[in-house]
Amino acid sequence: MRIRAIASWFASWFARFGALSRGRLIPGLAALCLGMAACGATEKTQPQIPVWEDTQNQLDDLLIPVDYGALVNRSLAGDRDALVQLIKLADQTNGGGAYGFGTLLKDIAFKIGDEQFAAACRELSGDERKLTFFMMEAGFEYGDRELSPDDLPQRLPLTAKVLNPNGDL
């Protein structure tokens, strides 16, 4: 909803700007705005595992819409590229949404296995690995009351090693 409003505002602003500059409307920007408005109306795929409401709301409000439900489902089916794309959405969450995102990553790691999850994490940059490690710790702390962040290296040793090779974060 918010994306369509922003896109409409941009479109009207560029239309006025175009009118003021003697009818020279920038076609590429106008098309971009219209495309953004159309993207906000797309259907979202229902993820096969629960996503916390705060996380879901933050991912629904991204400026460029992402069908994270499809990424979750493809990740669960073993699609490494989808998992990498999903993990990279971590920086789009904060607060309660970040804790929920960490829980989502932990749940996916448990379902697909440590080896597959670690393989996807190898494709991340150093900063993305650090962020993912913190997200995973949050998922262990808040996603399951029987787990704590200290359980991450025991339950997902390959992933922990890839995300935090020196154990010094």
N, C-alpha and C. Protein backbone atom coordinates (compact mmCIF):
# COMPACT_ATOMS: atom_id res chain seq x y z
N MET A 1 0.83 -1.19 0.00
CA MET A 1 0.00 0.00 0.00
C MET A 1 0.87 1.25 0.00
N ARG A 2 1.82 1.31 0.90
CA ARG A 2 2.66 2.49 1.03
C ARG A 2 3.50 2.69 -0.23
N ILE A 3 3.91 1.60 -0.88
CA ILE A 3 4.73 1.70 -2.08
C ILE A 3 3.95 2.40 -3.19
N ARG A 4 2.68 2.04 -3.33
CA ARG A 4 1.87 2.68 -4.37
C ARG A 4 1.72 4.17 -4.10
N ALA A 5 1.58 4.55 -2.83
CA ALA A 5 1.44 5.96 -2.50
C ALA A 5 2.72 6.72 -2.83
N ILE A 6 3.86 6.13 -2.48
CA ILE A 6 5.15 6.76 -2.78
C ILE A 6 5.34 6.88 -4.29
N ALA A 7 5.04 5.81 -5.01
CA ALA A 7 5.19 5.82 -6.46
C ALA A 7 4.27 6.86 -7.10
N SER A 8 3.04 6.99 -6.58
CA SER A 8 2.12 7.99 -7.11
C SER A 8 2.65 9.39 -6.87
N TRP A 9 3.21 9.62 -5.67
CA TRP A 9 3.78 10.92 -5.36
C TRP A 9 4.91 11.24 -6.32
N PHE A 10 5.84 10.27 -6.53
CA PHE A 10 6.95 10.48 -7.46
C PHE A 10 6.42 10.77 -8.86
N ALA A 11 5.43 10.00 -9.30
CA ALA A 11 4.89 10.19 -10.65
C ALA A 11 4.30 11.58 -10.80
N SER A 12 3.53 12.04 -9.79
CA SER A 12 2.94 13.37 -9.90
C SER A 12 4.01 14.45 -9.83
N TRP A 13 5.03 14.26 -9.01
CA TRP A 13 6.12 15.23 -8.91
C TRP A 13 6.86 15.33 -10.23
N PHE A 14 7.18 14.19 -10.83
CA PHE A 14 7.88 14.21 -12.11
C PHE A 14 6.99 14.76 -13.22
N ALA A 15 5.69 14.53 -13.14
CA ALA A 15 4.78 15.09 -14.14
C ALA A 15 4.78 16.62 -14.04
N ARG A 16 4.73 17.14 -12.80
CA ARG A 16 4.78 18.60 -12.62
C ARG A 16 6.12 19.15 -13.06
N PHE A 17 7.20 18.45 -12.71
CA PHE A 17 8.53 18.89 -13.11
C PHE A 17 8.63 18.91 -14.64
N GLY A 18 8.07 17.88 -15.26
CA GLY A 18 8.08 17.82 -16.73
C GLY A 18 7.30 18.96 -17.34
N ALA A 19 6.15 19.29 -16.73
CA ALA A 19 5.33 20.39 -17.24
C ALA A 19 6.07 21.72 -17.07
N LEU A 20 6.77 21.88 -15.97
CA LEU A 20 7.51 23.11 -15.73
C LEU A 20 8.70 23.24 -16.66
N SER A 21 9.25 22.12 -17.08
CA SER A 21 10.42 22.19 -17.96
C SER A 21 10.01 22.04 -19.42
N ARG A 22 8.89 22.70 -19.76
CA ARG A 22 8.38 22.77 -21.13
C ARG A 22 8.06 21.41 -21.74
N GLY A 23 7.41 20.57 -20.92
CA GLY A 23 6.90 19.32 -21.44
C GLY A 23 7.90 18.20 -21.55
N ARG A 24 9.11 18.39 -21.06
CA ARG A 24 10.11 17.33 -21.16
C ARG A 24 10.04 16.43 -19.93
N LEU A 25 9.18 15.46 -19.99
CA LEU A 25 9.04 14.49 -18.90
C LEU A 25 10.06 13.39 -19.12
N ILE A 26 10.70 12.98 -18.08
CA ILE A 26 11.73 11.95 -18.18
C ILE A 26 11.02 10.59 -18.25
N PRO A 27 10.94 10.00 -19.43
CA PRO A 27 10.16 8.77 -19.61
C PRO A 27 10.63 7.61 -18.73
N GLY A 28 11.92 7.45 -18.57
CA GLY A 28 12.42 6.33 -17.77
C GLY A 28 11.98 6.42 -16.32
N LEU A 29 12.03 7.62 -15.75
CA LEU A 29 11.61 7.78 -14.36
C LEU A 29 10.11 7.60 -14.21
N ALA A 30 9.36 8.07 -15.17
CA ALA A 30 7.91 7.88 -15.12
C ALA A 30 7.57 6.39 -15.18
N ALA A 31 8.25 5.67 -16.06
CA ALA A 31 8.01 4.23 -16.16
C ALA A 31 8.39 3.52 -14.87
N LEU A 32 9.50 3.97 -14.26
CA LEU A 32 9.92 3.39 -12.99
C LEU A 32 8.85 3.59 -11.92
N CYS A 33 8.32 4.79 -11.83
CA CYS A 33 7.28 5.08 -10.84
C CYS A 33 6.03 4.23 -11.08
N LEU A 34 5.64 4.12 -12.32
CA LEU A 34 4.47 3.30 -12.63
C LEU A 34 4.74 1.83 -12.34
N GLY A 35 5.96 1.39 -12.61
CA GLY A 35 6.33 0.01 -12.30
C GLY A 35 6.31 -0.25 -10.82
N MET A 36 6.79 0.72 -10.03
CA MET A 36 6.76 0.56 -8.58
C MET A 36 5.32 0.47 -8.08
N ALA A 37 4.45 1.27 -8.63
CA ALA A 37 3.04 1.24 -8.22
C ALA A 37 2.43 -0.11 -8.54
N ALA A 38 2.78 -0.66 -9.69
CA ALA A 38 2.25 -1.97 -10.07
C ALA A 38 2.81 -3.08 -9.20
N CYS A 39 4.06 -2.96 -8.79
CA CYS A 39 4.69 -4.00 -7.97
C CYS A 39 4.03 -4.11 -6.61
N GLY A 40 3.55 -3.02 -6.07
CA GLY A 40 2.94 -3.05 -4.75
C GLY A 40 1.67 -3.88 -4.72
N ALA A 41 1.08 -4.14 -5.87
CA ALA A 41 -0.18 -4.86 -5.92
C ALA A 41 0.00 -6.36 -6.13
N THR A 42 1.23 -6.85 -6.17
CA THR A 42 1.44 -8.26 -6.45
C THR A 42 1.06 -9.13 -5.26
N GLU A 43 0.69 -10.35 -5.56
CA GLU A 43 0.35 -11.33 -4.53
C GLU A 43 1.62 -11.86 -3.90
N LYS A 44 1.56 -12.12 -2.62
CA LYS A 44 2.69 -12.69 -1.90
C LYS A 44 2.44 -14.19 -1.69
N THR A 45 3.51 -14.97 -1.80
CA THR A 45 3.43 -16.40 -1.56
C THR A 45 3.43 -16.64 -0.06
N GLN A 46 2.59 -17.54 0.39
CA GLN A 46 2.53 -17.89 1.80
C GLN A 46 3.71 -18.79 2.15
N PRO A 47 4.58 -18.38 3.10
CA PRO A 47 5.71 -19.23 3.46
C PRO A 47 5.25 -20.51 4.16
N GLN A 48 6.01 -21.59 3.95
CA GLN A 48 5.66 -22.89 4.51
C GLN A 48 5.97 -23.01 6.00
N ILE A 49 6.72 -22.06 6.54
CA ILE A 49 6.99 -22.03 7.98
C ILE A 49 6.59 -20.66 8.51
N PRO A 50 6.29 -20.58 9.80
CA PRO A 50 5.81 -19.31 10.35
C PRO A 50 6.85 -18.20 10.27
N VAL A 51 6.36 -16.99 10.02
CA VAL A 51 7.19 -15.79 10.03
C VAL A 51 6.56 -14.85 11.06
N TRP A 52 7.39 -14.34 11.98
CA TRP A 52 6.87 -13.43 13.01
C TRP A 52 6.19 -12.24 12.36
N GLU A 53 5.16 -11.74 13.00
CA GLU A 53 4.39 -10.63 12.45
C GLU A 53 5.24 -9.39 12.21
N ASP A 54 6.11 -9.03 13.17
CA ASP A 54 6.97 -7.85 12.99
C ASP A 54 7.87 -8.02 11.77
N THR A 55 8.42 -9.21 11.61
CA THR A 55 9.29 -9.49 10.47
C THR A 55 8.49 -9.40 9.18
N GLN A 56 7.34 -10.01 9.18
CA GLN A 56 6.47 -10.00 8.01
C GLN A 56 6.11 -8.57 7.62
N ASN A 57 5.76 -7.74 8.58
CA ASN A 57 5.40 -6.35 8.29
C ASN A 57 6.57 -5.58 7.70
N GLN A 58 7.77 -5.78 8.26
CA GLN A 58 8.94 -5.07 7.74
C GLN A 58 9.28 -5.53 6.32
N LEU A 59 9.16 -6.82 6.04
CA LEU A 59 9.47 -7.31 4.71
C LEU A 59 8.38 -6.92 3.70
N ASP A 60 7.15 -6.75 4.18
CA ASP A 60 6.07 -6.30 3.31
C ASP A 60 6.22 -4.84 2.92
N ASP A 61 6.93 -4.06 3.76
CA ASP A 61 7.06 -2.62 3.53
C ASP A 61 8.34 -2.21 2.80
N LEU A 62 9.04 -3.17 2.22
CA LEU A 62 10.27 -2.83 1.50
C LEU A 62 9.94 -1.93 0.31
N LEU A 63 10.83 -0.99 0.01
CA LEU A 63 10.61 -0.06 -1.10
C LEU A 63 10.45 -0.81 -2.41
N ILE A 64 11.31 -1.79 -2.63
CA ILE A 64 11.18 -2.66 -3.80
C ILE A 64 10.65 -3.99 -3.29
N PRO A 65 9.41 -4.33 -3.62
CA PRO A 65 8.79 -5.53 -3.06
C PRO A 65 9.55 -6.81 -3.39
N VAL A 66 9.60 -7.69 -2.41
CA VAL A 66 10.24 -9.00 -2.56
C VAL A 66 9.25 -10.05 -2.08
N ASP A 67 9.08 -11.10 -2.85
CA ASP A 67 8.21 -12.19 -2.43
C ASP A 67 9.02 -13.11 -1.52
N TYR A 68 9.16 -12.69 -0.25
CA TYR A 68 9.99 -13.44 0.68
C TYR A 68 9.38 -14.81 0.98
N GLY A 69 8.07 -14.95 0.86
CA GLY A 69 7.44 -16.26 1.07
C GLY A 69 7.94 -17.27 0.05
N ALA A 70 8.07 -16.82 -1.21
CA ALA A 70 8.61 -17.69 -2.26
C ALA A 70 10.07 -18.02 -1.97
N LEU A 71 10.84 -17.02 -1.48
CA LEU A 71 12.24 -17.28 -1.15
C LEU A 71 12.35 -18.29 -0.02
N VAL A 72 11.48 -18.18 0.98
CA VAL A 72 11.48 -19.15 2.09
C VAL A 72 11.18 -20.54 1.55
N ASN A 73 10.15 -20.66 0.75
CA ASN A 73 9.75 -21.97 0.24
C ASN A 73 10.81 -22.59 -0.66
N ARG A 74 11.40 -21.76 -1.51
CA ARG A 74 12.47 -22.27 -2.39
C ARG A 74 13.70 -22.65 -1.57
N SER A 75 13.98 -21.90 -0.51
CA SER A 75 15.10 -22.24 0.38
C SER A 75 14.88 -23.59 1.04
N LEU A 76 13.66 -23.82 1.49
CA LEU A 76 13.32 -25.10 2.13
C LEU A 76 13.42 -26.25 1.14
N ALA A 77 13.24 -25.95 -0.15
CA ALA A 77 13.35 -26.98 -1.19
C ALA A 77 14.79 -27.19 -1.65
N GLY A 78 15.74 -26.44 -1.05
CA GLY A 78 17.14 -26.65 -1.37
C GLY A 78 17.73 -25.69 -2.39
N ASP A 79 17.02 -24.62 -2.73
CA ASP A 79 17.51 -23.64 -3.69
C ASP A 79 18.48 -22.69 -2.99
N ARG A 80 19.77 -22.88 -3.21
CA ARG A 80 20.79 -22.08 -2.53
C ARG A 80 20.71 -20.61 -2.91
N ASP A 81 20.47 -20.31 -4.17
CA ASP A 81 20.38 -18.90 -4.60
C ASP A 81 19.24 -18.18 -3.86
N ALA A 82 18.10 -18.85 -3.72
CA ALA A 82 16.98 -18.26 -2.99
C ALA A 82 17.35 -18.04 -1.53
N LEU A 83 18.07 -18.98 -0.94
CA LEU A 83 18.48 -18.84 0.46
C LEU A 83 19.43 -17.66 0.63
N VAL A 84 20.37 -17.51 -0.28
CA VAL A 84 21.30 -16.38 -0.22
C VAL A 84 20.52 -15.06 -0.33
N GLN A 85 19.58 -14.99 -1.28
CA GLN A 85 18.76 -13.78 -1.43
C GLN A 85 17.98 -13.50 -0.15
N LEU A 86 17.42 -14.55 0.44
CA LEU A 86 16.66 -14.39 1.67
C LEU A 86 17.55 -13.89 2.81
N ILE A 87 18.70 -14.49 2.98
CA ILE A 87 19.62 -14.09 4.05
C ILE A 87 20.00 -12.62 3.89
N LYS A 88 20.18 -12.18 2.65
CA LYS A 88 20.58 -10.80 2.40
C LYS A 88 19.49 -9.78 2.75
N LEU A 89 18.28 -10.24 3.02
CA LEU A 89 17.22 -9.34 3.46
C LEU A 89 17.37 -8.99 4.94
N ALA A 90 18.32 -9.59 5.63
CA ALA A 90 18.51 -9.35 7.07
C ALA A 90 18.67 -7.88 7.38
N ASP A 91 19.38 -7.15 6.53
CA ASP A 91 19.61 -5.73 6.82
C ASP A 91 18.36 -4.87 6.61
N GLN A 92 17.28 -5.47 6.17
CA GLN A 92 16.03 -4.75 5.99
C GLN A 92 15.11 -4.89 7.21
N THR A 93 15.59 -5.56 8.24
CA THR A 93 14.80 -5.76 9.44
C THR A 93 15.49 -5.08 10.63
N ASN A 94 14.70 -4.76 11.64
CA ASN A 94 15.25 -4.20 12.86
C ASN A 94 14.33 -4.52 14.03
N GLY A 95 14.83 -4.33 15.24
CA GLY A 95 14.02 -4.56 16.43
C GLY A 95 13.43 -5.96 16.46
N GLY A 96 12.14 -6.03 16.74
CA GLY A 96 11.44 -7.31 16.80
C GLY A 96 11.46 -8.04 15.47
N GLY A 97 11.47 -7.30 14.38
CA GLY A 97 11.55 -7.92 13.06
C GLY A 97 12.85 -8.65 12.85
N ALA A 98 13.93 -8.10 13.41
CA ALA A 98 15.25 -8.76 13.29
C ALA A 98 15.28 -10.05 14.11
N TYR A 99 14.70 -10.01 15.31
CA TYR A 99 14.64 -11.24 16.10
C TYR A 99 13.83 -12.32 15.37
N GLY A 100 12.73 -11.90 14.77
CA GLY A 100 11.91 -12.84 14.01
C GLY A 100 12.63 -13.36 12.79
N PHE A 101 13.42 -12.50 12.14
CA PHE A 101 14.17 -12.92 10.97
C PHE A 101 15.23 -13.94 11.38
N GLY A 102 15.88 -13.71 12.51
CA GLY A 102 16.85 -14.68 13.02
C GLY A 102 16.21 -16.02 13.32
N THR A 103 15.01 -15.98 13.86
CA THR A 103 14.27 -17.21 14.13
C THR A 103 13.94 -17.93 12.82
N LEU A 104 13.54 -17.17 11.81
CA LEU A 104 13.25 -17.75 10.50
C LEU A 104 14.49 -18.43 9.92
N LEU A 105 15.64 -17.76 10.00
CA LEU A 105 16.88 -18.35 9.49
C LEU A 105 17.24 -19.62 10.26
N LYS A 106 17.10 -19.58 11.58
CA LYS A 106 17.39 -20.76 12.40
C LYS A 106 16.48 -21.93 12.00
N ASP A 107 15.20 -21.65 11.84
CA ASP A 107 14.25 -22.71 11.47
C ASP A 107 14.59 -23.31 10.10
N ILE A 108 14.97 -22.46 9.16
CA ILE A 108 15.35 -22.96 7.83
C ILE A 108 16.61 -23.81 7.95
N ALA A 109 17.58 -23.34 8.71
CA ALA A 109 18.83 -24.10 8.89
C ALA A 109 18.55 -25.48 9.48
N PHE A 110 17.68 -25.55 10.46
CA PHE A 110 17.35 -26.85 11.06
C PHE A 110 16.64 -27.75 10.05
N LYS A 111 15.79 -27.18 9.21
CA LYS A 111 15.03 -27.99 8.25
C LYS A 111 15.89 -28.49 7.08
N ILE A 112 16.77 -27.64 6.56
CA ILE A 112 17.56 -28.06 5.39
C ILE A 112 18.89 -28.69 5.79
N GLY A 113 19.31 -28.45 7.00
CA GLY A 113 20.56 -29.04 7.47
C GLY A 113 21.71 -28.05 7.50
N ASP A 114 22.62 -28.31 8.41
CA ASP A 114 23.76 -27.42 8.64
C ASP A 114 24.63 -27.28 7.40
N GLU A 115 24.87 -28.37 6.70
CA GLU A 115 25.76 -28.33 5.53
C GLU A 115 25.23 -27.42 4.43
N GLN A 116 23.94 -27.55 4.10
CA GLN A 116 23.35 -26.72 3.05
C GLN A 116 23.30 -25.25 3.47
N PHE A 117 22.95 -25.00 4.73
CA PHE A 117 22.86 -23.61 5.19
C PHE A 117 24.25 -22.97 5.18
N ALA A 118 25.25 -23.69 5.65
CA ALA A 118 26.62 -23.17 5.67
C ALA A 118 27.11 -22.89 4.25
N ALA A 119 26.76 -23.76 3.30
CA ALA A 119 27.17 -23.55 1.90
C ALA A 119 26.61 -22.24 1.37
N ALA A 120 25.38 -21.92 1.71
CA ALA A 120 24.78 -20.65 1.27
C ALA A 120 25.49 -19.48 1.95
N CYS A 121 25.84 -19.63 3.21
CA CYS A 121 26.50 -18.55 3.95
C CYS A 121 27.89 -18.25 3.41
N ARG A 122 28.52 -19.22 2.77
CA ARG A 122 29.85 -18.99 2.17
C ARG A 122 29.79 -17.95 1.05
N GLU A 123 28.62 -17.76 0.47
CA GLU A 123 28.48 -16.81 -0.63
C GLU A 123 28.26 -15.37 -0.16
N LEU A 124 28.20 -15.16 1.15
CA LEU A 124 27.97 -13.83 1.71
C LEU A 124 29.28 -13.07 1.87
N SER A 125 29.19 -11.75 1.86
CA SER A 125 30.35 -10.91 2.15
C SER A 125 30.66 -10.99 3.64
N GLY A 126 31.80 -10.44 4.03
CA GLY A 126 32.18 -10.45 5.44
C GLY A 126 31.17 -9.75 6.33
N ASP A 127 30.69 -8.58 5.91
CA ASP A 127 29.69 -7.85 6.70
C ASP A 127 28.36 -8.61 6.76
N GLU A 128 27.98 -9.23 5.65
CA GLU A 128 26.74 -10.01 5.63
C GLU A 128 26.86 -11.23 6.55
N ARG A 129 28.03 -11.83 6.61
CA ARG A 129 28.25 -12.96 7.51
C ARG A 129 28.11 -12.54 8.97
N LYS A 130 28.71 -11.38 9.31
CA LYS A 130 28.60 -10.89 10.69
C LYS A 130 27.15 -10.64 11.07
N LEU A 131 26.43 -9.97 10.18
CA LEU A 131 25.02 -9.68 10.45
C LEU A 131 24.22 -10.97 10.58
N THR A 132 24.47 -11.92 9.70
CA THR A 132 23.75 -13.19 9.75
C THR A 132 24.06 -13.94 11.05
N PHE A 133 25.31 -13.87 11.50
CA PHE A 133 25.67 -14.51 12.77
C PHE A 133 24.87 -13.90 13.92
N PHE A 134 24.78 -12.56 13.94
CA PHE A 134 24.00 -11.91 15.00
C PHE A 134 22.52 -12.26 14.90
N MET A 135 22.02 -12.33 13.68
CA MET A 135 20.61 -12.71 13.48
C MET A 135 20.36 -14.14 13.97
N MET A 136 21.28 -15.04 13.63
CA MET A 136 21.14 -16.43 14.06
C MET A 136 21.17 -16.52 15.59
N GLU A 137 22.07 -15.77 16.22
CA GLU A 137 22.10 -15.76 17.69
C GLU A 137 20.77 -15.28 18.26
N ALA A 138 20.21 -14.23 17.66
CA ALA A 138 18.90 -13.74 18.10
C ALA A 138 17.83 -14.81 17.92
N GLY A 139 17.91 -15.53 16.80
CA GLY A 139 16.95 -16.61 16.55
C GLY A 139 17.05 -17.72 17.58
N PHE A 140 18.27 -18.01 18.00
CA PHE A 140 18.46 -19.03 19.03
C PHE A 140 17.96 -18.53 20.38
N GLU A 141 18.12 -17.25 20.64
CA GLU A 141 17.72 -16.71 21.93
C GLU A 141 16.22 -16.54 22.06
N TYR A 142 15.57 -16.06 21.00
CA TYR A 142 14.16 -15.71 21.10
C TYR A 142 13.22 -16.66 20.39
N GLY A 143 13.73 -17.47 19.49
CA GLY A 143 12.85 -18.32 18.71
C GLY A 143 12.44 -19.60 19.42
N ASP A 144 13.23 -20.03 20.38
CA ASP A 144 12.96 -21.29 21.06
C ASP A 144 13.50 -21.17 22.47
N ARG A 145 12.63 -21.24 23.45
CA ARG A 145 13.04 -21.02 24.85
C ARG A 145 13.98 -22.10 25.38
N GLU A 146 14.13 -23.19 24.66
CA GLU A 146 15.04 -24.25 25.10
C GLU A 146 16.45 -24.05 24.56
N LEU A 147 16.63 -23.06 23.71
CA LEU A 147 17.93 -22.78 23.11
C LEU A 147 18.45 -21.43 23.58
N SER A 148 19.75 -21.27 23.48
CA SER A 148 20.37 -19.97 23.75
C SER A 148 21.41 -19.72 22.66
N PRO A 149 21.92 -18.50 22.55
CA PRO A 149 22.95 -18.23 21.53
C PRO A 149 24.17 -19.13 21.66
N ASP A 150 24.45 -19.59 22.88
CA ASP A 150 25.59 -20.48 23.09
C ASP A 150 25.40 -21.84 22.40
N ASP A 151 24.15 -22.18 22.07
CA ASP A 151 23.87 -23.46 21.41
C ASP A 151 24.16 -23.44 19.91
N LEU A 152 24.32 -22.25 19.34
CA LEU A 152 24.55 -22.15 17.89
C LEU A 152 25.74 -22.99 17.42
N PRO A 153 26.93 -22.89 18.05
CA PRO A 153 28.07 -23.69 17.56
C PRO A 153 27.88 -25.20 17.72
N GLN A 154 27.09 -25.63 18.70
CA GLN A 154 26.85 -27.06 18.89
C GLN A 154 25.79 -27.60 17.93
N ARG A 155 24.74 -26.81 17.70
CA ARG A 155 23.63 -27.29 16.87
C ARG A 155 23.89 -27.09 15.37
N LEU A 156 24.63 -26.03 15.02
CA LEU A 156 24.94 -25.74 13.61
C LEU A 156 26.43 -25.40 13.50
N PRO A 157 27.30 -26.39 13.72
CA PRO A 157 28.74 -26.11 13.79
C PRO A 157 29.33 -25.58 12.48
N LEU A 158 28.93 -26.11 11.34
CA LEU A 158 29.47 -25.64 10.06
C LEU A 158 29.05 -24.20 9.78
N THR A 159 27.80 -23.92 10.05
CA THR A 159 27.28 -22.56 9.86
C THR A 159 27.99 -21.58 10.79
N ALA A 160 28.14 -21.95 12.04
CA ALA A 160 28.81 -21.09 13.00
C ALA A 160 30.24 -20.80 12.57
N LYS A 161 30.92 -21.80 12.04
CA LYS A 161 32.31 -21.65 11.59
C LYS A 161 32.40 -20.71 10.39
N VAL A 162 31.47 -20.84 9.46
CA VAL A 162 31.47 -19.97 8.27
C VAL A 162 31.14 -18.52 8.67
N LEU A 163 30.15 -18.36 9.54
CA LEU A 163 29.71 -17.01 9.91
C LEU A 163 30.66 -16.31 10.88
N ASN A 164 31.34 -17.10 11.70
CA ASN A 164 32.21 -16.54 12.73
C ASN A 164 33.47 -17.40 12.83
N PRO A 165 34.34 -17.34 11.83
CA PRO A 165 35.48 -18.26 11.77
C PRO A 165 36.46 -18.16 12.93
N ASN A 166 36.59 -16.99 13.52
CA ASN A 166 37.53 -16.82 14.64
C ASN A 166 36.85 -16.95 16.00
N GLY A 167 35.54 -17.02 16.01
CA GLY A 167 34.82 -17.12 17.27
C GLY A 167 34.97 -15.86 18.13
N ASP A 168 35.21 -14.73 17.48
CA ASP A 168 35.50 -13.51 18.26
C ASP A 168 34.49 -12.40 18.13
N LEU A 169 33.32 -12.67 17.61
CA LEU A 169 32.34 -11.59 17.50
C LEU A 169 31.75 -11.30 18.81
